[in-house]
């Protein structure tokens, strides 16, 4: 009987000593909220943008486009990056055949331009973006890595982004923390002018 209690105590000690590392991996710091689920998958703040995006069933088109443009290595880099990530439904709103045309090797430069117009070289959480919008009297210009300038505004409590063609994307899931930045899920693909 004593041997059994000793084994149970030893097992409990092993579980308790393992718990902090598991908690650190799975749970955010007490001062921050847990990442929202995206595309039915948990998003981990200790993984990079690409590592998380590949698990979202709502971002298969975006992941395929990032691979076709050769941007995987870049988005796995140190960053920081803010990525406005269009869903598959956002890509589906483009004219028929657009995505298939863009992922062809001969259109790599155009695809890269479109994708980098969704990336900002900063770690911009939504409260900071909302403050910039307020400070700029309702519209804040957002300069992207691709050279596009998006106009950020508030619509109620949601952030919207207007591209240079007048297309408006709404942030549907904000502040998905990554090890190298943040993802904000959007419902429309933002396009460069021309």
N, C-alpha and C. Protein backbone atom coordinates (compact mmCIF):
# COMPACT_ATOMS: atom_id res chain seq x y z
N UNK A 1 0.82 -1.19 0.00
CA UNK A 1 0.00 0.00 0.00
C UNK A 1 0.86 1.25 0.00
N UNK A 2 1.91 1.25 0.81
CA UNK A 2 2.82 2.39 0.88
C UNK A 2 3.48 2.63 -0.47
N UNK A 3 3.85 1.53 -1.15
CA UNK A 3 4.48 1.64 -2.46
C UNK A 3 3.54 2.32 -3.46
N UNK A 4 2.25 1.96 -3.40
CA UNK A 4 1.26 2.54 -4.32
C UNK A 4 1.13 4.05 -4.08
N UNK A 5 1.05 4.46 -2.80
CA UNK A 5 0.95 5.89 -2.48
C UNK A 5 2.20 6.64 -2.94
N UNK A 6 3.34 6.01 -2.80
CA UNK A 6 4.60 6.63 -3.23
C UNK A 6 4.58 6.84 -4.75
N UNK A 7 4.09 5.83 -5.48
CA UNK A 7 4.00 5.95 -6.94
C UNK A 7 3.02 7.06 -7.33
N UNK A 8 1.88 7.13 -6.64
CA UNK A 8 0.89 8.17 -6.95
C UNK A 8 1.49 9.55 -6.65
N UNK A 9 2.16 9.67 -5.52
CA UNK A 9 2.78 10.95 -5.16
C UNK A 9 3.85 11.34 -6.18
N UNK A 10 4.64 10.36 -6.61
CA UNK A 10 5.68 10.64 -7.61
C UNK A 10 5.06 11.07 -8.93
N UNK A 11 3.98 10.40 -9.33
CA UNK A 11 3.30 10.75 -10.57
C UNK A 11 2.72 12.17 -10.48
N UNK A 12 2.13 12.48 -9.32
CA UNK A 12 1.57 13.82 -9.14
C UNK A 12 2.65 14.88 -9.20
N UNK A 13 3.81 14.58 -8.60
CA UNK A 13 4.93 15.51 -8.62
C UNK A 13 5.41 15.74 -10.05
N UNK A 14 5.46 14.68 -10.85
CA UNK A 14 5.86 14.79 -12.26
C UNK A 14 4.88 15.70 -13.02
N UNK A 15 3.57 15.49 -12.79
CA UNK A 15 2.55 16.30 -13.46
C UNK A 15 2.69 17.76 -13.05
N UNK A 16 2.86 18.00 -11.75
CA UNK A 16 2.99 19.38 -11.27
C UNK A 16 4.24 20.05 -11.79
N UNK A 17 5.34 19.30 -11.85
CA UNK A 17 6.57 19.93 -12.34
C UNK A 17 6.49 20.19 -13.84
N UNK A 18 5.68 19.39 -14.56
CA UNK A 18 5.53 19.61 -16.00
C UNK A 18 4.51 20.71 -16.28
N UNK A 19 3.60 20.94 -15.35
CA UNK A 19 2.52 21.90 -15.58
C UNK A 19 2.96 23.30 -15.96
N UNK A 20 3.97 23.89 -15.28
CA UNK A 20 4.32 25.26 -15.67
C UNK A 20 4.74 25.38 -17.13
N UNK A 21 5.56 24.44 -17.63
CA UNK A 21 5.99 24.57 -19.01
C UNK A 21 4.81 24.39 -19.96
N UNK A 22 3.88 23.49 -19.64
CA UNK A 22 2.69 23.31 -20.46
C UNK A 22 1.84 24.58 -20.42
N UNK A 23 1.68 25.14 -19.22
CA UNK A 23 0.89 26.36 -19.07
C UNK A 23 1.52 27.51 -19.84
N UNK A 24 2.84 27.61 -19.78
CA UNK A 24 3.52 28.69 -20.50
C UNK A 24 3.34 28.53 -22.00
N UNK A 25 3.33 27.30 -22.48
CA UNK A 25 3.17 27.07 -23.91
C UNK A 25 1.75 27.32 -24.36
N UNK A 26 0.78 26.86 -23.57
CA UNK A 26 -0.61 26.89 -24.00
C UNK A 26 -1.36 28.15 -23.58
N UNK A 27 -0.97 28.76 -22.47
CA UNK A 27 -1.73 29.90 -21.96
C UNK A 27 -0.92 31.18 -22.09
N UNK A 28 -1.59 32.28 -22.41
CA UNK A 28 -0.89 33.55 -22.48
C UNK A 28 -0.58 34.06 -21.09
N UNK A 29 0.22 35.08 -21.00
CA UNK A 29 0.52 35.72 -19.72
C UNK A 29 -0.78 36.23 -19.12
N UNK A 30 -0.81 36.32 -17.83
CA UNK A 30 -2.04 36.72 -17.13
C UNK A 30 -2.59 38.06 -17.61
N UNK A 31 -1.70 38.95 -18.06
CA UNK A 31 -2.14 40.29 -18.44
C UNK A 31 -2.70 40.36 -19.87
N UNK A 32 -2.63 39.29 -20.63
CA UNK A 32 -3.13 39.34 -22.00
C UNK A 32 -4.21 38.29 -22.22
N UNK A 33 -5.11 38.57 -23.14
CA UNK A 33 -6.18 37.63 -23.45
C UNK A 33 -5.65 36.55 -24.39
N UNK A 34 -6.34 35.41 -24.37
CA UNK A 34 -5.96 34.31 -25.26
C UNK A 34 -6.26 34.71 -26.70
N UNK A 35 -5.47 34.18 -27.63
CA UNK A 35 -5.72 34.43 -29.05
C UNK A 35 -7.06 33.83 -29.45
N UNK A 36 -7.78 34.52 -30.33
CA UNK A 36 -9.03 33.93 -30.84
C UNK A 36 -8.72 32.77 -31.78
N UNK A 37 -9.69 31.88 -31.94
CA UNK A 37 -9.57 30.80 -32.93
C UNK A 37 -9.74 31.44 -34.31
N UNK A 38 -9.04 30.91 -35.29
CA UNK A 38 -9.17 31.40 -36.67
C UNK A 38 -9.33 30.18 -37.58
N UNK A 39 -10.39 30.19 -38.36
CA UNK A 39 -10.63 29.08 -39.27
C UNK A 39 -10.74 27.75 -38.57
N UNK A 40 -11.32 27.77 -37.35
CA UNK A 40 -11.51 26.55 -36.59
C UNK A 40 -10.26 26.02 -35.92
N UNK A 41 -9.17 26.77 -35.97
CA UNK A 41 -7.91 26.29 -35.39
C UNK A 41 -7.39 27.27 -34.34
N UNK A 42 -6.76 26.73 -33.29
CA UNK A 42 -6.14 27.63 -32.32
C UNK A 42 -4.94 28.32 -32.95
N UNK A 43 -4.75 29.56 -32.59
CA UNK A 43 -3.61 30.35 -33.06
C UNK A 43 -2.69 30.57 -31.86
N UNK A 44 -1.44 30.19 -32.00
CA UNK A 44 -0.51 30.26 -30.88
C UNK A 44 0.42 31.46 -31.00
N UNK A 45 0.49 32.24 -29.93
CA UNK A 45 1.32 33.44 -29.91
C UNK A 45 2.81 33.12 -30.01
N UNK A 46 3.18 31.85 -29.74
CA UNK A 46 4.60 31.48 -29.83
C UNK A 46 4.96 30.88 -31.19
N UNK A 47 4.02 30.90 -32.13
CA UNK A 47 4.30 30.43 -33.50
C UNK A 47 4.27 31.63 -34.44
N UNK A 48 4.99 31.50 -35.57
CA UNK A 48 5.03 32.64 -36.50
C UNK A 48 3.79 32.66 -37.41
N UNK A 49 3.69 33.71 -38.18
CA UNK A 49 2.52 33.95 -39.03
C UNK A 49 2.21 32.77 -39.94
N UNK A 50 3.22 32.22 -40.60
CA UNK A 50 3.00 31.10 -41.53
C UNK A 50 2.60 29.85 -40.77
N UNK A 51 3.29 29.57 -39.65
CA UNK A 51 2.97 28.36 -38.87
C UNK A 51 1.52 28.36 -38.41
N UNK A 52 0.98 29.53 -38.07
CA UNK A 52 -0.42 29.60 -37.65
C UNK A 52 -1.37 29.59 -38.85
N UNK A 53 -1.05 30.35 -39.87
CA UNK A 53 -1.96 30.48 -41.03
C UNK A 53 -2.24 29.15 -41.70
N UNK A 54 -1.25 28.27 -41.77
CA UNK A 54 -1.47 26.98 -42.45
C UNK A 54 -2.52 26.12 -41.75
N UNK A 55 -2.82 26.42 -40.48
CA UNK A 55 -3.81 25.64 -39.75
C UNK A 55 -5.24 26.17 -39.88
N UNK A 56 -5.40 27.37 -40.44
CA UNK A 56 -6.73 27.96 -40.58
C UNK A 56 -7.40 27.45 -41.85
N UNK A 57 -8.55 26.80 -41.68
CA UNK A 57 -9.27 26.31 -42.87
C UNK A 57 -9.89 27.45 -43.66
N UNK A 58 -9.89 28.66 -43.10
CA UNK A 58 -10.43 29.83 -43.81
C UNK A 58 -9.37 30.57 -44.62
N UNK A 59 -8.11 30.11 -44.56
CA UNK A 59 -7.03 30.83 -45.23
C UNK A 59 -6.21 29.96 -46.18
N UNK A 60 -6.84 28.94 -46.78
CA UNK A 60 -6.11 28.05 -47.69
C UNK A 60 -5.66 28.78 -48.95
N UNK A 61 -6.50 29.69 -49.45
CA UNK A 61 -6.13 30.45 -50.65
C UNK A 61 -4.96 31.38 -50.36
N UNK A 62 -5.02 32.07 -49.21
CA UNK A 62 -3.94 32.97 -48.83
C UNK A 62 -2.62 32.21 -48.68
N UNK A 63 -2.66 31.06 -48.03
CA UNK A 63 -1.44 30.26 -47.83
C UNK A 63 -0.88 29.82 -49.18
N UNK A 64 -1.76 29.36 -50.09
CA UNK A 64 -1.32 28.95 -51.43
C UNK A 64 -0.69 30.13 -52.17
N UNK A 65 -1.30 31.31 -52.04
CA UNK A 65 -0.79 32.51 -52.71
C UNK A 65 0.57 32.92 -52.14
N UNK A 66 0.71 32.85 -50.83
CA UNK A 66 2.00 33.18 -50.18
C UNK A 66 3.10 32.24 -50.68
N UNK A 67 2.76 30.96 -50.81
CA UNK A 67 3.73 29.98 -51.33
C UNK A 67 4.08 30.30 -52.79
N UNK A 68 3.05 30.57 -53.60
CA UNK A 68 3.27 30.86 -55.03
C UNK A 68 4.12 32.12 -55.22
N UNK A 69 3.97 33.09 -54.32
CA UNK A 69 4.74 34.34 -54.42
C UNK A 69 6.13 34.23 -53.82
N UNK A 70 6.42 33.10 -53.17
CA UNK A 70 7.74 32.92 -52.55
C UNK A 70 7.93 33.76 -51.30
N UNK A 71 6.83 34.03 -50.59
CA UNK A 71 6.91 34.89 -49.40
C UNK A 71 6.92 34.12 -48.07
N UNK A 72 6.95 32.79 -48.13
CA UNK A 72 6.92 32.00 -46.90
C UNK A 72 8.09 32.36 -45.99
N UNK A 73 9.29 32.35 -46.54
CA UNK A 73 10.49 32.62 -45.73
C UNK A 73 10.42 34.02 -45.11
N UNK A 74 9.97 34.99 -45.89
CA UNK A 74 9.85 36.37 -45.39
C UNK A 74 8.90 36.43 -44.20
N UNK A 75 7.72 35.82 -44.32
CA UNK A 75 6.71 35.89 -43.26
C UNK A 75 7.03 34.97 -42.08
N UNK A 76 8.07 34.15 -42.22
CA UNK A 76 8.56 33.38 -41.08
C UNK A 76 9.71 34.11 -40.39
N UNK A 77 10.13 35.24 -40.98
CA UNK A 77 11.24 36.02 -40.44
C UNK A 77 10.88 36.71 -39.14
N UNK A 78 11.86 37.44 -38.62
CA UNK A 78 11.72 38.06 -37.30
C UNK A 78 10.64 39.13 -37.24
N UNK A 79 10.38 39.80 -38.37
CA UNK A 79 9.36 40.86 -38.36
C UNK A 79 9.84 42.08 -37.59
N UNK A 80 8.94 42.80 -36.91
CA UNK A 80 7.53 42.44 -36.76
C UNK A 80 6.70 42.78 -37.99
N UNK A 81 5.64 41.99 -38.19
CA UNK A 81 4.72 42.20 -39.29
C UNK A 81 3.29 42.30 -38.76
N UNK A 82 2.52 43.16 -39.36
CA UNK A 82 1.07 43.15 -39.19
C UNK A 82 0.52 42.67 -40.53
N UNK A 83 -0.22 41.57 -40.50
CA UNK A 83 -0.79 41.01 -41.73
C UNK A 83 -2.30 41.11 -41.66
N UNK A 84 -2.86 41.78 -42.67
CA UNK A 84 -4.31 41.82 -42.85
C UNK A 84 -4.62 40.63 -43.76
N UNK A 85 -5.16 39.56 -43.16
CA UNK A 85 -5.27 38.26 -43.82
C UNK A 85 -6.66 38.02 -44.40
N UNK A 86 -6.80 38.12 -45.74
CA UNK A 86 -8.10 37.85 -46.35
C UNK A 86 -8.47 36.36 -46.25
N UNK A 87 -9.73 36.11 -46.00
CA UNK A 87 -10.23 34.73 -45.92
C UNK A 87 -10.43 34.16 -47.33
N UNK A 88 -10.69 32.87 -47.40
CA UNK A 88 -11.02 32.24 -48.68
C UNK A 88 -12.25 32.91 -49.29
N UNK A 89 -13.24 33.27 -48.43
CA UNK A 89 -14.45 33.93 -48.92
C UNK A 89 -14.11 35.29 -49.53
N UNK A 90 -13.10 35.98 -48.97
CA UNK A 90 -12.67 37.27 -49.52
C UNK A 90 -12.09 37.08 -50.92
N UNK A 91 -11.25 36.05 -51.08
CA UNK A 91 -10.68 35.76 -52.40
C UNK A 91 -11.77 35.35 -53.39
N UNK A 92 -12.80 34.66 -52.88
CA UNK A 92 -13.90 34.20 -53.75
C UNK A 92 -14.72 35.38 -54.30
N UNK A 93 -14.63 36.55 -53.66
CA UNK A 93 -15.35 37.74 -54.14
C UNK A 93 -14.66 38.37 -55.36
N UNK A 94 -13.41 38.00 -55.63
CA UNK A 94 -12.71 38.52 -56.81
C UNK A 94 -13.36 37.93 -58.06
N UNK A 95 -13.22 38.60 -59.21
CA UNK A 95 -13.80 38.05 -60.44
C UNK A 95 -13.32 36.61 -60.70
N UNK A 96 -14.19 35.80 -61.26
CA UNK A 96 -13.88 34.39 -61.54
C UNK A 96 -12.56 34.26 -62.30
N UNK A 97 -11.73 33.33 -61.86
CA UNK A 97 -10.46 33.06 -62.53
C UNK A 97 -9.29 33.93 -62.07
N UNK A 98 -9.56 34.95 -61.24
CA UNK A 98 -8.50 35.87 -60.81
C UNK A 98 -7.41 35.15 -60.01
N UNK A 99 -7.82 34.38 -59.01
CA UNK A 99 -6.83 33.69 -58.15
C UNK A 99 -6.01 32.72 -58.98
N UNK A 100 -6.67 31.94 -59.83
CA UNK A 100 -5.97 30.96 -60.68
C UNK A 100 -4.95 31.66 -61.58
N UNK A 101 -5.32 32.83 -62.09
CA UNK A 101 -4.42 33.60 -62.95
C UNK A 101 -3.23 34.13 -62.14
N UNK A 102 -3.49 34.63 -60.94
CA UNK A 102 -2.44 35.24 -60.13
C UNK A 102 -1.38 34.25 -59.65
N UNK A 103 -1.77 33.01 -59.39
CA UNK A 103 -0.79 32.05 -58.86
C UNK A 103 0.08 31.41 -59.96
N UNK A 104 -0.13 31.78 -61.21
CA UNK A 104 0.73 31.29 -62.29
C UNK A 104 2.11 31.94 -62.16
N UNK A 105 3.18 31.18 -62.44
CA UNK A 105 4.54 31.71 -62.30
C UNK A 105 4.78 33.04 -63.01
N UNK A 106 4.17 33.22 -64.17
CA UNK A 106 4.41 34.46 -64.93
C UNK A 106 3.77 35.70 -64.26
N UNK A 107 2.90 35.47 -63.28
CA UNK A 107 2.25 36.59 -62.59
C UNK A 107 2.75 36.78 -61.16
N UNK A 108 3.91 36.20 -60.87
CA UNK A 108 4.47 36.23 -59.51
C UNK A 108 4.65 37.67 -59.01
N UNK A 109 5.14 38.59 -59.84
CA UNK A 109 5.37 39.97 -59.41
C UNK A 109 4.06 40.65 -59.01
N UNK A 110 3.01 40.42 -59.80
CA UNK A 110 1.70 41.02 -59.51
C UNK A 110 1.13 40.44 -58.21
N UNK A 111 1.24 39.12 -58.05
CA UNK A 111 0.76 38.46 -56.84
C UNK A 111 1.51 38.96 -55.61
N UNK A 112 2.83 39.09 -55.74
CA UNK A 112 3.65 39.58 -54.64
C UNK A 112 3.22 40.99 -54.23
N UNK A 113 2.95 41.82 -55.22
CA UNK A 113 2.51 43.20 -54.96
C UNK A 113 1.19 43.19 -54.19
N UNK A 114 0.25 42.36 -54.63
CA UNK A 114 -1.06 42.29 -53.95
C UNK A 114 -0.87 41.82 -52.50
N UNK A 115 -0.12 40.75 -52.32
CA UNK A 115 0.06 40.20 -50.97
C UNK A 115 0.78 41.17 -50.05
N UNK A 116 1.83 41.83 -50.55
CA UNK A 116 2.57 42.76 -49.70
C UNK A 116 1.79 44.04 -49.40
N UNK A 117 0.71 44.26 -50.15
CA UNK A 117 -0.20 45.37 -49.82
C UNK A 117 -1.12 45.02 -48.65
N UNK A 118 -0.95 43.81 -48.10
CA UNK A 118 -1.68 43.39 -46.90
C UNK A 118 -0.75 43.31 -45.69
N UNK A 119 0.50 43.76 -45.86
CA UNK A 119 1.51 43.61 -44.80
C UNK A 119 2.08 44.97 -44.42
N UNK A 120 2.18 45.21 -43.12
CA UNK A 120 2.79 46.43 -42.59
C UNK A 120 3.99 46.01 -41.75
N UNK A 121 5.08 46.73 -41.88
CA UNK A 121 6.31 46.40 -41.13
C UNK A 121 6.24 46.98 -39.72
N UNK A 122 5.32 46.46 -38.93
CA UNK A 122 5.13 46.91 -37.54
C UNK A 122 4.28 45.88 -36.83
N UNK A 123 4.22 45.99 -35.51
CA UNK A 123 3.33 45.13 -34.73
C UNK A 123 2.18 46.01 -34.25
N UNK A 124 1.14 46.12 -35.08
CA UNK A 124 0.04 47.06 -34.81
C UNK A 124 -1.20 46.33 -34.31
N UNK A 125 -1.42 46.40 -33.01
CA UNK A 125 -2.63 45.83 -32.42
C UNK A 125 -3.79 46.80 -32.64
N UNK A 126 -5.01 46.29 -32.59
CA UNK A 126 -6.17 47.13 -32.92
C UNK A 126 -6.33 48.36 -32.02
N UNK A 127 -6.05 48.31 -30.71
CA UNK A 127 -6.18 49.54 -29.92
C UNK A 127 -5.24 50.65 -30.43
N UNK A 128 -4.04 50.27 -30.86
CA UNK A 128 -3.09 51.26 -31.40
C UNK A 128 -3.60 51.83 -32.72
N UNK A 129 -4.16 50.97 -33.57
CA UNK A 129 -4.71 51.43 -34.86
C UNK A 129 -5.89 52.36 -34.59
N UNK A 130 -6.77 51.97 -33.68
CA UNK A 130 -7.93 52.80 -33.35
C UNK A 130 -7.49 54.17 -32.82
N UNK A 131 -6.43 54.21 -32.02
CA UNK A 131 -5.93 55.48 -31.50
C UNK A 131 -5.38 56.35 -32.63
N UNK A 132 -4.65 55.73 -33.58
CA UNK A 132 -4.12 56.48 -34.72
C UNK A 132 -5.27 57.07 -35.56
N UNK A 133 -6.33 56.27 -35.73
CA UNK A 133 -7.50 56.75 -36.48
C UNK A 133 -8.12 57.95 -35.76
N UNK A 134 -8.29 57.83 -34.45
CA UNK A 134 -8.87 58.93 -33.67
C UNK A 134 -7.96 60.17 -33.71
N UNK A 135 -6.65 59.95 -33.55
CA UNK A 135 -5.70 61.07 -33.58
C UNK A 135 -5.71 61.79 -34.93
N UNK A 136 -5.99 61.04 -36.00
CA UNK A 136 -6.02 61.62 -37.36
C UNK A 136 -7.44 62.02 -37.77
N UNK A 137 -8.31 62.25 -36.80
CA UNK A 137 -9.68 62.75 -37.05
C UNK A 137 -10.54 61.81 -37.90
N UNK A 138 -10.35 60.49 -37.71
CA UNK A 138 -11.25 59.54 -38.35
C UNK A 138 -10.70 58.70 -39.48
N UNK A 139 -9.56 59.10 -40.05
CA UNK A 139 -8.94 58.32 -41.12
C UNK A 139 -7.43 58.34 -40.94
N UNK A 140 -6.83 57.15 -40.88
CA UNK A 140 -5.37 57.06 -40.73
C UNK A 140 -4.77 56.34 -41.94
N UNK A 141 -3.79 56.96 -42.64
CA UNK A 141 -3.14 56.29 -43.76
C UNK A 141 -2.19 55.19 -43.25
N UNK A 142 -2.30 54.02 -43.84
CA UNK A 142 -1.47 52.87 -43.45
C UNK A 142 -0.58 52.51 -44.64
N UNK A 143 0.72 52.72 -44.48
CA UNK A 143 1.67 52.40 -45.55
C UNK A 143 2.07 50.93 -45.45
N UNK A 144 1.91 50.22 -46.55
CA UNK A 144 2.21 48.78 -46.55
C UNK A 144 3.59 48.51 -47.13
N UNK A 145 4.07 47.30 -46.89
CA UNK A 145 5.35 46.85 -47.43
C UNK A 145 5.33 46.89 -48.96
N UNK A 146 4.16 46.64 -49.55
CA UNK A 146 4.02 46.64 -51.01
C UNK A 146 3.91 48.02 -51.64
N UNK A 147 3.96 49.06 -50.82
CA UNK A 147 3.89 50.42 -51.35
C UNK A 147 2.49 50.99 -51.46
N UNK A 148 1.47 50.20 -51.14
CA UNK A 148 0.10 50.69 -51.16
C UNK A 148 -0.15 51.51 -49.89
N UNK A 149 -1.06 52.44 -49.99
CA UNK A 149 -1.49 53.19 -48.80
C UNK A 149 -2.97 52.88 -48.59
N UNK A 150 -3.26 52.25 -47.46
CA UNK A 150 -4.64 51.92 -47.10
C UNK A 150 -5.16 53.00 -46.16
N UNK A 151 -6.44 53.24 -46.22
CA UNK A 151 -7.06 54.22 -45.31
C UNK A 151 -7.81 53.45 -44.22
N UNK A 152 -7.33 53.57 -42.99
CA UNK A 152 -7.96 52.88 -41.85
C UNK A 152 -8.99 53.81 -41.22
N UNK A 153 -10.18 53.26 -40.97
CA UNK A 153 -11.26 54.00 -40.34
C UNK A 153 -11.95 53.09 -39.33
N UNK A 154 -12.79 53.68 -38.51
CA UNK A 154 -13.62 52.90 -37.59
C UNK A 154 -15.05 52.87 -38.12
N UNK A 155 -15.66 51.70 -38.09
CA UNK A 155 -17.09 51.58 -38.40
C UNK A 155 -17.69 50.92 -37.16
N UNK A 156 -18.27 51.74 -36.31
CA UNK A 156 -18.70 51.23 -35.00
C UNK A 156 -17.45 50.87 -34.22
N UNK A 157 -17.37 49.62 -33.77
CA UNK A 157 -16.17 49.19 -33.03
C UNK A 157 -15.24 48.35 -33.89
N UNK A 158 -15.47 48.33 -35.20
CA UNK A 158 -14.61 47.55 -36.10
C UNK A 158 -13.75 48.46 -36.96
N UNK A 159 -12.55 47.97 -37.26
CA UNK A 159 -11.64 48.71 -38.14
C UNK A 159 -11.93 48.32 -39.57
N UNK A 160 -11.98 49.32 -40.46
CA UNK A 160 -12.08 49.04 -41.89
C UNK A 160 -10.84 49.59 -42.58
N UNK A 161 -10.51 48.99 -43.71
CA UNK A 161 -9.38 49.42 -44.52
C UNK A 161 -9.88 49.62 -45.94
N UNK A 162 -9.59 50.77 -46.51
CA UNK A 162 -9.99 51.06 -47.89
C UNK A 162 -8.73 51.11 -48.74
N UNK A 163 -8.72 50.32 -49.83
CA UNK A 163 -7.53 50.32 -50.70
C UNK A 163 -7.60 51.48 -51.69
N UNK A 164 -6.60 51.57 -52.56
CA UNK A 164 -6.49 52.69 -53.49
C UNK A 164 -7.54 52.65 -54.60
N UNK A 165 -8.31 51.56 -54.67
CA UNK A 165 -9.38 51.43 -55.66
C UNK A 165 -10.76 51.63 -55.05
N UNK A 166 -10.80 51.88 -53.75
CA UNK A 166 -12.09 52.07 -53.07
C UNK A 166 -12.69 50.82 -52.47
N UNK A 167 -12.01 49.66 -52.59
CA UNK A 167 -12.49 48.43 -51.97
C UNK A 167 -12.34 48.57 -50.45
N UNK A 168 -13.37 48.16 -49.72
CA UNK A 168 -13.35 48.28 -48.26
C UNK A 168 -13.34 46.89 -47.62
N UNK A 169 -12.35 46.66 -46.77
CA UNK A 169 -12.25 45.42 -46.01
C UNK A 169 -12.53 45.72 -44.54
N UNK A 170 -13.27 44.84 -43.91
CA UNK A 170 -13.55 44.98 -42.47
C UNK A 170 -12.73 43.94 -41.73
N UNK A 171 -12.13 44.36 -40.62
CA UNK A 171 -11.40 43.42 -39.76
C UNK A 171 -12.46 42.63 -38.99
N UNK A 172 -12.52 41.32 -39.27
CA UNK A 172 -13.54 40.47 -38.64
C UNK A 172 -13.02 39.77 -37.39
N UNK A 173 -11.70 39.51 -37.36
CA UNK A 173 -11.05 38.97 -36.16
C UNK A 173 -9.76 39.77 -35.98
N UNK A 174 -9.67 40.49 -34.87
CA UNK A 174 -8.51 41.35 -34.64
C UNK A 174 -7.55 40.73 -33.63
N UNK A 175 -6.31 41.24 -33.66
CA UNK A 175 -5.32 40.98 -32.62
C UNK A 175 -4.99 39.50 -32.40
N UNK A 176 -4.71 38.79 -33.48
CA UNK A 176 -4.27 37.39 -33.36
C UNK A 176 -2.75 37.44 -33.27
N UNK A 177 -2.25 37.37 -32.03
CA UNK A 177 -0.82 37.55 -31.79
C UNK A 177 0.00 36.40 -32.35
N UNK A 178 1.16 36.75 -32.91
CA UNK A 178 2.11 35.79 -33.49
C UNK A 178 3.48 36.05 -32.86
N UNK A 179 4.39 35.11 -33.02
CA UNK A 179 5.73 35.34 -32.46
C UNK A 179 6.45 36.46 -33.20
N UNK A 180 6.04 36.73 -34.44
CA UNK A 180 6.70 37.78 -35.23
C UNK A 180 5.73 38.89 -35.67
N UNK A 181 4.67 39.09 -34.90
CA UNK A 181 3.75 40.17 -35.23
C UNK A 181 2.32 39.85 -34.86
N UNK A 182 1.40 40.27 -35.72
CA UNK A 182 -0.02 40.09 -35.46
C UNK A 182 -0.77 39.91 -36.77
N UNK A 183 -1.84 39.11 -36.72
CA UNK A 183 -2.74 38.94 -37.87
C UNK A 183 -4.08 39.57 -37.51
N UNK A 184 -4.64 40.30 -38.47
CA UNK A 184 -6.03 40.76 -38.38
C UNK A 184 -6.74 40.13 -39.58
N UNK A 185 -7.77 39.34 -39.34
CA UNK A 185 -8.50 38.68 -40.43
C UNK A 185 -9.43 39.71 -41.07
N UNK A 186 -9.43 39.74 -42.42
CA UNK A 186 -10.30 40.68 -43.14
C UNK A 186 -11.19 39.94 -44.15
N UNK A 187 -12.27 40.62 -44.55
CA UNK A 187 -13.30 39.97 -45.38
C UNK A 187 -13.24 40.35 -46.86
N UNK A 188 -12.23 41.14 -47.26
CA UNK A 188 -12.10 41.59 -48.65
C UNK A 188 -10.63 41.66 -49.00
N UNK A 189 -10.27 41.28 -50.22
CA UNK A 189 -8.89 41.39 -50.69
C UNK A 189 -8.63 42.85 -51.07
N UNK A 190 -7.53 43.39 -50.58
CA UNK A 190 -7.13 44.76 -50.87
C UNK A 190 -6.20 44.75 -52.09
N UNK A 191 -6.47 45.64 -53.04
CA UNK A 191 -5.73 45.60 -54.31
C UNK A 191 -4.96 46.89 -54.54
N UNK A 192 -3.76 46.79 -55.12
CA UNK A 192 -3.02 48.00 -55.49
C UNK A 192 -3.69 48.72 -56.65
N UNK A 193 -3.38 49.99 -56.80
CA UNK A 193 -3.97 50.77 -57.91
C UNK A 193 -3.39 50.27 -59.23
N UNK A 194 -4.25 50.20 -60.23
CA UNK A 194 -3.80 49.86 -61.58
C UNK A 194 -3.74 48.45 -61.90
